[in-house]
Amino acid sequence: MPSIAPASSTPCWGFRMAEAPAAARIAVLQMTSGIDPARNGAVLADAIGAAAADGAVMLFTPEMSGLLDRVRKRAAPHIAAEEADRVLGVVREAAARAGVWVALGSLALARPDGRWVNRGFVIDGSGAIIARYDKLHMFDVDLASGESWRESAAYAAGDAVVTAMTPLGRLGLAICYDLRFPALFEALGAARCDVIAIPAAFTVPTGAAHWHVLQRARAIEASAYVVAAAQVGRHEDGRETYGHSLVVDPWGEVRLDLGGERAGLGFATIDHARIAEVRRQLPSLANRRHLPAAADSRERAAP
């Protein structure tokens, strides 16, 4: 398991858990991103303004917010290095105008070696980048529906577990397929994350089978809120995504579900009293033990 990395060398503007508000309003954007980054960027900028107008301190967006195109030859001209990515620039400018933090689910970005990365960002209310997270687990699957995906053919996997201090408390970062790997969430729980962002572009078959149960499980395991902004519907590149952007509380109760029909903006509250209550009742983070390596029962000596 990769070690937990410092979120960024950028200051987090003095936020500590003790200074986080008792309750904070968040916005969750469900998108149907297409193959034109300019259009997707405009949707993101509008959502940031709407989130601020409705009193949210932070907006969460889906995986691949800036570009969703399975045709890599067509997508390639739009995939730039981080410093040149236009959607990232638009989001940073909009965040600064509105004074709102943004958990930008992810963007497809180019590395110097020619590989791509699926990178999420935490951006503060001045537009500064507070944290970066590169998706750890690549989606290489063949589904019974006939869908076949090879994310690792173009994308390089990340190598760090990332958290950042925000107005919501400590925020842990994951992306989509990471959801299926509990060791990552054990690490985020050990870091005492108050909220975990799991932006996604889940397929419909896997979403219908596993989306809700896995999101609820991750929230329960980490005794933290999970905020899962998702892609939804039929996209320009022909794929269909599951939607159902969620906010799940530390007890596993679903506090927001945006459904599987359309894009839109939803709101929820992160309640630190709820986090404290759950951790007091079931102190599983404090009770967790290091597990020894599994051994065949025939190899164990009798006590």
Protein backbone atom coordinates (compact mmCIF):
# COMPACT_ATOMS: atom_id res chain seq x y z
CA MET A 1 0.00 0.00 0.00
CA PRO A 2 1.45 3.43 -0.86
CA SER A 3 2.30 5.61 2.10
CA ILE A 4 0.22 8.66 2.99
CA ALA A 5 1.77 11.64 1.26
CA PRO A 6 1.59 15.27 2.33
CA ALA A 7 -1.26 16.85 0.41
CA SER A 8 0.74 19.75 -0.96
CA SER A 9 3.41 22.23 -0.10
CA THR A 10 0.74 24.92 -0.50
CA PRO A 11 -0.56 26.27 2.86
CA CYS A 12 -4.10 25.22 3.79
CA TRP A 13 -4.97 28.68 5.09
CA GLY A 14 -4.80 27.62 8.72
CA PHE A 15 -7.73 25.20 8.78
CA ARG A 16 -7.52 22.68 11.60
CA MET A 17 -10.19 20.23 12.71
CA ALA A 18 -10.83 22.36 15.80
CA GLU A 19 -11.56 25.34 13.54
CA ALA A 20 -13.87 23.54 11.11
CA PRO A 21 -17.49 24.65 11.50
CA ALA A 22 -19.82 22.38 13.45
CA ALA A 23 -21.84 21.96 10.26
CA ALA A 24 -21.03 23.00 6.70
CA ARG A 25 -23.14 23.08 3.56
CA ILE A 26 -21.70 21.38 0.46
CA ALA A 27 -22.78 21.16 -3.17
CA VAL A 28 -22.52 18.03 -5.32
CA LEU A 29 -22.49 18.28 -9.12
CA GLN A 30 -23.79 15.40 -11.23
CA MET A 31 -22.62 15.81 -14.85
CA THR A 32 -23.01 14.33 -18.31
CA SER A 33 -19.58 15.40 -19.50
CA GLY A 34 -18.92 15.31 -23.23
CA ILE A 35 -16.05 15.49 -25.69
CA ASP A 36 -15.72 19.32 -25.70
CA PRO A 37 -13.68 20.62 -22.73
CA ALA A 38 -14.90 24.19 -23.26
CA ARG A 39 -18.53 23.16 -22.78
CA ASN A 40 -17.65 21.05 -19.75
CA GLY A 41 -15.67 23.93 -18.27
CA ALA A 42 -18.65 26.25 -18.67
CA VAL A 43 -20.85 23.77 -16.78
CA LEU A 44 -18.30 23.63 -13.97
CA ALA A 45 -18.01 27.42 -13.74
CA ASP A 46 -21.81 27.79 -13.61
CA ALA A 47 -22.01 25.15 -10.86
CA ILE A 48 -19.37 26.92 -8.78
CA GLY A 49 -21.38 30.15 -8.97
CA ALA A 50 -24.62 28.35 -8.11
CA ALA A 51 -22.99 26.55 -5.19
CA ALA A 52 -21.78 29.84 -3.73
CA ALA A 53 -25.16 31.50 -4.24
CA ASP A 54 -26.83 28.70 -2.25
CA GLY A 55 -24.41 28.97 0.66
CA ALA A 56 -22.12 26.01 -0.01
CA VAL A 57 -18.53 26.26 1.21
CA MET A 58 -17.32 23.50 -1.12
CA LEU A 59 -18.38 21.95 -4.44
CA PHE A 60 -17.67 18.33 -5.39
CA THR A 61 -17.51 17.31 -9.08
CA PRO A 62 -17.26 13.91 -10.84
CA GLU A 63 -14.39 11.95 -12.31
CA MET A 64 -13.35 13.25 -15.73
CA SER A 65 -15.23 16.51 -15.26
CA GLY A 66 -13.33 18.20 -18.10
CA LEU A 67 -13.45 15.55 -20.82
CA LEU A 68 -15.15 12.16 -21.18
CA ASP A 69 -14.15 10.54 -24.45
CA ARG A 70 -13.34 6.86 -24.87
CA VAL A 71 -11.92 7.52 -28.39
CA ARG A 72 -8.35 8.25 -27.36
CA LYS A 73 -7.20 9.52 -30.75
CA ARG A 74 -9.95 12.16 -30.69
CA ALA A 75 -9.34 12.96 -27.02
CA ALA A 76 -5.55 13.32 -27.33
CA PRO A 77 -5.46 16.92 -28.69
CA HIS A 78 -7.43 18.07 -25.64
CA ILE A 79 -5.18 16.44 -23.04
CA ALA A 80 -2.51 18.86 -21.85
CA ALA A 81 -0.04 19.16 -19.02
CA GLU A 82 -1.50 20.46 -15.77
CA GLU A 83 -0.14 23.98 -16.19
CA ALA A 84 -1.72 24.26 -19.66
CA ASP A 85 -5.09 22.62 -18.96
CA ARG A 86 -7.86 25.10 -19.79
CA VAL A 87 -10.58 23.46 -17.70
CA LEU A 88 -8.38 23.56 -14.61
CA GLY A 89 -7.78 27.26 -15.28
CA VAL A 90 -11.50 27.93 -15.65
CA VAL A 91 -12.28 26.14 -12.38
CA ARG A 92 -9.56 27.96 -10.46
CA GLU A 93 -10.77 31.33 -11.74
CA ALA A 94 -14.40 30.54 -10.92
CA ALA A 95 -13.47 29.32 -7.43
CA ALA A 96 -11.59 32.57 -6.79
CA ARG A 97 -14.52 34.69 -8.04
CA ALA A 98 -17.02 32.85 -5.88
CA GLY A 99 -14.79 32.28 -2.86
CA VAL A 100 -15.75 28.59 -2.86
CA TRP A 101 -13.54 25.52 -2.39
CA VAL A 102 -13.76 22.85 -5.10
CA ALA A 103 -13.00 19.14 -4.96
CA LEU A 104 -12.47 18.79 -8.72
CA GLY A 105 -13.14 15.08 -9.20
CA SER A 106 -10.55 14.50 -11.90
CA LEU A 107 -9.11 15.64 -15.20
CA ALA A 108 -7.19 13.72 -17.85
CA LEU A 109 -3.73 15.28 -17.97
CA ALA A 110 -0.51 14.60 -19.87
CA ARG A 111 2.80 13.60 -18.29
CA PRO A 112 6.18 14.47 -19.79
CA ASP A 113 6.76 10.79 -20.68
CA GLY A 114 3.68 10.71 -22.93
CA ARG A 115 1.47 8.80 -20.50
CA TRP A 116 -1.73 10.33 -19.11
CA VAL A 117 -2.90 10.63 -15.50
CA ASN A 118 -6.39 10.68 -14.01
CA ARG A 119 -5.83 13.50 -11.48
CA GLY A 120 -8.13 15.01 -8.88
CA PHE A 121 -7.61 18.39 -7.22
CA VAL A 122 -8.58 20.30 -4.12
CA ILE A 123 -8.81 24.03 -4.91
CA ASP A 124 -9.36 26.67 -2.26
CA GLY A 125 -11.49 29.81 -2.33
CA SER A 126 -8.63 31.88 -3.73
CA GLY A 127 -8.14 29.48 -6.66
CA ALA A 128 -4.95 27.94 -5.25
CA ILE A 129 -4.33 24.21 -5.65
CA ILE A 130 -4.17 22.68 -2.17
CA ALA A 131 -3.85 18.99 -3.14
CA ARG A 132 -3.42 16.68 -6.11
CA TYR A 133 -4.31 13.00 -6.25
CA ASP A 134 -3.56 10.59 -9.10
CA LYS A 135 -5.93 7.62 -9.28
CA LEU A 136 -4.24 4.55 -7.80
CA HIS A 137 -6.19 1.67 -9.33
CA MET A 138 -6.65 1.33 -13.09
CA PHE A 139 -9.99 0.12 -14.47
CA ASP A 140 -8.97 -2.92 -16.59
CA VAL A 141 -12.07 -5.10 -16.88
CA ASP A 142 -14.22 -7.19 -19.22
CA LEU A 143 -17.88 -7.05 -18.17
CA ALA A 144 -20.58 -9.58 -18.94
CA SER A 145 -22.47 -6.77 -20.72
CA GLY A 146 -19.75 -6.77 -23.40
CA GLU A 147 -18.08 -3.59 -22.17
CA SER A 148 -14.29 -3.79 -22.08
CA TRP A 149 -12.06 -1.13 -20.50
CA ARG A 150 -8.27 -0.85 -20.34
CA GLU A 151 -7.48 2.33 -18.44
CA SER A 152 -3.85 1.27 -17.98
CA ALA A 153 -3.30 1.28 -21.75
CA ALA A 154 -3.10 5.09 -21.65
CA TYR A 155 -3.02 6.13 -18.00
CA ALA A 156 -0.28 5.78 -15.39
CA ALA A 157 -1.37 4.84 -11.87
CA GLY A 158 -0.67 7.11 -8.92
CA ASP A 159 1.56 6.13 -6.03
CA ALA A 160 0.37 8.16 -3.01
CA VAL A 161 -2.53 8.32 -0.57
CA VAL A 162 -3.54 11.98 -0.27
CA THR A 163 -5.44 13.97 2.33
CA ALA A 164 -5.86 17.73 2.77
CA MET A 165 -7.22 20.08 5.40
CA THR A 166 -10.30 21.98 4.19
CA PRO A 167 -13.20 23.95 5.69
CA LEU A 168 -14.91 20.56 6.14
CA GLY A 169 -12.04 19.12 8.18
CA ARG A 170 -9.62 16.53 6.79
CA LEU A 171 -10.60 15.42 3.28
CA GLY A 172 -9.37 12.13 1.81
CA LEU A 173 -9.19 11.62 -1.96
CA ALA A 174 -10.08 8.60 -4.10
CA ILE A 175 -11.39 8.16 -7.65
CA CYS A 176 -13.99 5.71 -9.01
CA TYR A 177 -12.43 2.20 -9.25
CA ASP A 178 -10.44 2.94 -6.09
CA LEU A 179 -13.76 2.35 -4.31
CA ARG A 180 -13.25 -1.43 -4.61
CA PHE A 181 -9.94 -1.52 -2.70
CA PRO A 182 -10.54 -1.34 1.06
CA ALA A 183 -6.86 -0.90 1.98
CA LEU A 184 -7.00 2.65 0.59
CA PHE A 185 -9.92 3.49 2.83
CA GLU A 186 -8.24 1.86 5.81
CA ALA A 187 -5.37 4.30 5.23
CA LEU A 188 -7.77 7.25 4.93
CA GLY A 189 -9.54 6.13 8.10
CA ALA A 190 -6.20 5.87 9.91
CA ALA A 191 -5.52 9.46 8.82
CA ARG A 192 -8.79 10.40 10.59
CA CYS A 193 -10.45 11.84 7.51
CA ASP A 194 -13.75 13.54 8.25
CA VAL A 195 -14.88 13.40 4.62
CA ILE A 196 -13.77 11.21 1.70
CA ALA A 197 -14.38 12.27 -1.91
CA ILE A 198 -15.00 9.40 -4.34
CA PRO A 199 -15.83 11.01 -7.72
CA ALA A 200 -16.78 8.51 -10.39
CA ALA A 201 -17.96 7.63 -13.87
CA PHE A 202 -19.41 4.20 -12.97
CA THR A 203 -20.80 1.93 -15.66
CA VAL A 204 -24.51 1.11 -15.41
CA PRO A 205 -24.08 -2.66 -14.79
CA THR A 206 -21.52 -2.24 -12.02
CA GLY A 207 -23.34 0.74 -10.57
CA ALA A 208 -26.65 -1.09 -10.29
CA ALA A 209 -24.92 -4.01 -8.56
CA HIS A 210 -22.40 -2.36 -6.27
CA TRP A 211 -22.46 1.47 -6.14
CA HIS A 212 -24.65 2.08 -3.11
CA VAL A 213 -23.42 -0.82 -1.00
CA LEU A 214 -19.74 0.00 -1.52
CA GLN A 215 -20.16 3.72 -0.84
CA ARG A 216 -22.05 2.98 2.36
CA ALA A 217 -19.43 0.44 3.42
CA ARG A 218 -16.57 2.89 2.90
CA ALA A 219 -18.31 5.53 5.00
CA ILE A 220 -18.94 3.02 7.79
CA GLU A 221 -15.39 1.66 7.72
CA ALA A 222 -13.79 5.12 7.93
CA SER A 223 -16.43 6.58 10.29
CA ALA A 224 -16.51 9.50 7.85
CA TYR A 225 -18.80 11.18 5.36
CA VAL A 226 -18.44 9.97 1.77
CA VAL A 227 -19.20 12.41 -1.04
CA ALA A 228 -19.44 10.66 -4.41
CA ALA A 229 -20.11 13.04 -7.32
CA ALA A 230 -20.89 11.01 -10.42
CA GLN A 231 -21.32 11.12 -14.17
CA VAL A 232 -24.80 10.21 -15.43
CA GLY A 233 -26.65 9.25 -18.58
CA ARG A 234 -25.73 8.82 -22.26
CA HIS A 235 -22.53 10.60 -23.25
CA GLU A 236 -21.33 11.92 -26.60
CA ASP A 237 -18.74 9.14 -26.88
CA GLY A 238 -21.49 6.48 -26.64
CA ARG A 239 -20.97 5.29 -23.09
CA GLU A 240 -23.66 5.33 -20.42
CA THR A 241 -22.93 6.07 -16.77
CA TYR A 242 -24.87 5.22 -13.64
CA GLY A 243 -25.24 8.55 -11.84
CA HIS A 244 -26.68 8.44 -8.29
CA SER A 245 -24.27 10.99 -6.84
CA LEU A 246 -24.31 10.33 -3.11
CA VAL A 247 -23.58 11.83 0.25
CA VAL A 248 -23.37 9.11 2.93
CA ASP A 249 -22.92 9.85 6.62
CA PRO A 250 -20.56 7.94 8.97
CA TRP A 251 -23.39 5.62 10.08
CA GLY A 252 -23.95 4.59 6.46
CA GLU A 253 -27.16 6.56 6.00
CA VAL A 254 -27.67 8.11 2.56
CA ARG A 255 -28.18 11.85 3.00
CA LEU A 256 -28.33 12.75 -0.71
CA ASP A 257 -28.95 10.70 -3.87
CA LEU A 258 -29.25 12.61 -7.16
CA GLY A 259 -30.72 9.63 -9.03
CA GLY A 260 -29.79 8.08 -12.34
CA GLU A 261 -31.75 10.16 -14.83
CA ARG A 262 -30.19 13.59 -15.28
CA ALA A 263 -27.40 16.00 -14.47
CA GLY A 264 -27.91 18.54 -11.71
CA LEU A 265 -26.71 20.17 -8.52
CA GLY A 266 -27.60 18.91 -5.05
CA PHE A 267 -26.84 20.09 -1.51
CA ALA A 268 -26.12 18.39 1.79
CA THR A 269 -24.68 19.17 5.22
CA ILE A 270 -21.47 17.82 6.72
CA ASP A 271 -22.20 17.61 10.45
CA HIS A 272 -19.15 17.21 12.69
CA ALA A 273 -21.35 16.36 15.66
CA ARG A 274 -22.56 13.34 13.68
CA ILE A 275 -18.96 12.24 13.04
CA ALA A 276 -18.12 12.55 16.75
CA GLU A 277 -21.30 10.71 17.76
CA VAL A 278 -20.60 7.74 15.49
CA ARG A 279 -16.94 7.50 16.54
CA ARG A 280 -17.96 7.64 20.19
CA GLN A 281 -20.55 4.87 19.81
CA LEU A 282 -18.43 2.60 17.62
CA PRO A 283 -14.74 3.46 18.04
CA SER A 284 -13.63 1.08 15.30
CA LEU A 285 -10.78 3.36 14.22
CA ALA A 286 -9.35 3.30 17.74
CA ASN A 287 -9.95 -0.45 18.11
CA ARG A 288 -8.29 -1.43 14.84
CA ARG A 289 -5.35 -3.84 15.16
CA HIS A 290 -2.48 -4.65 12.85
CA LEU A 291 -3.15 -8.02 11.24
CA PRO A 292 -0.40 -10.59 10.85
CA ALA A 293 0.07 -12.31 7.52
CA ALA A 294 -2.33 -15.18 6.90
CA ALA A 295 -0.94 -18.65 7.52
CA ASP A 296 -2.23 -22.11 6.65
CA SER A 297 -3.79 -23.66 9.75
CA ARG A 298 -1.55 -26.70 9.34
CA GLU A 299 1.50 -24.46 9.78
CA ARG A 300 0.36 -23.03 13.10
CA ALA A 301 1.65 -24.61 16.27
CA ALA A 302 -0.90 -25.59 18.90
CA PRO A 303 -1.18 -23.01 21.72
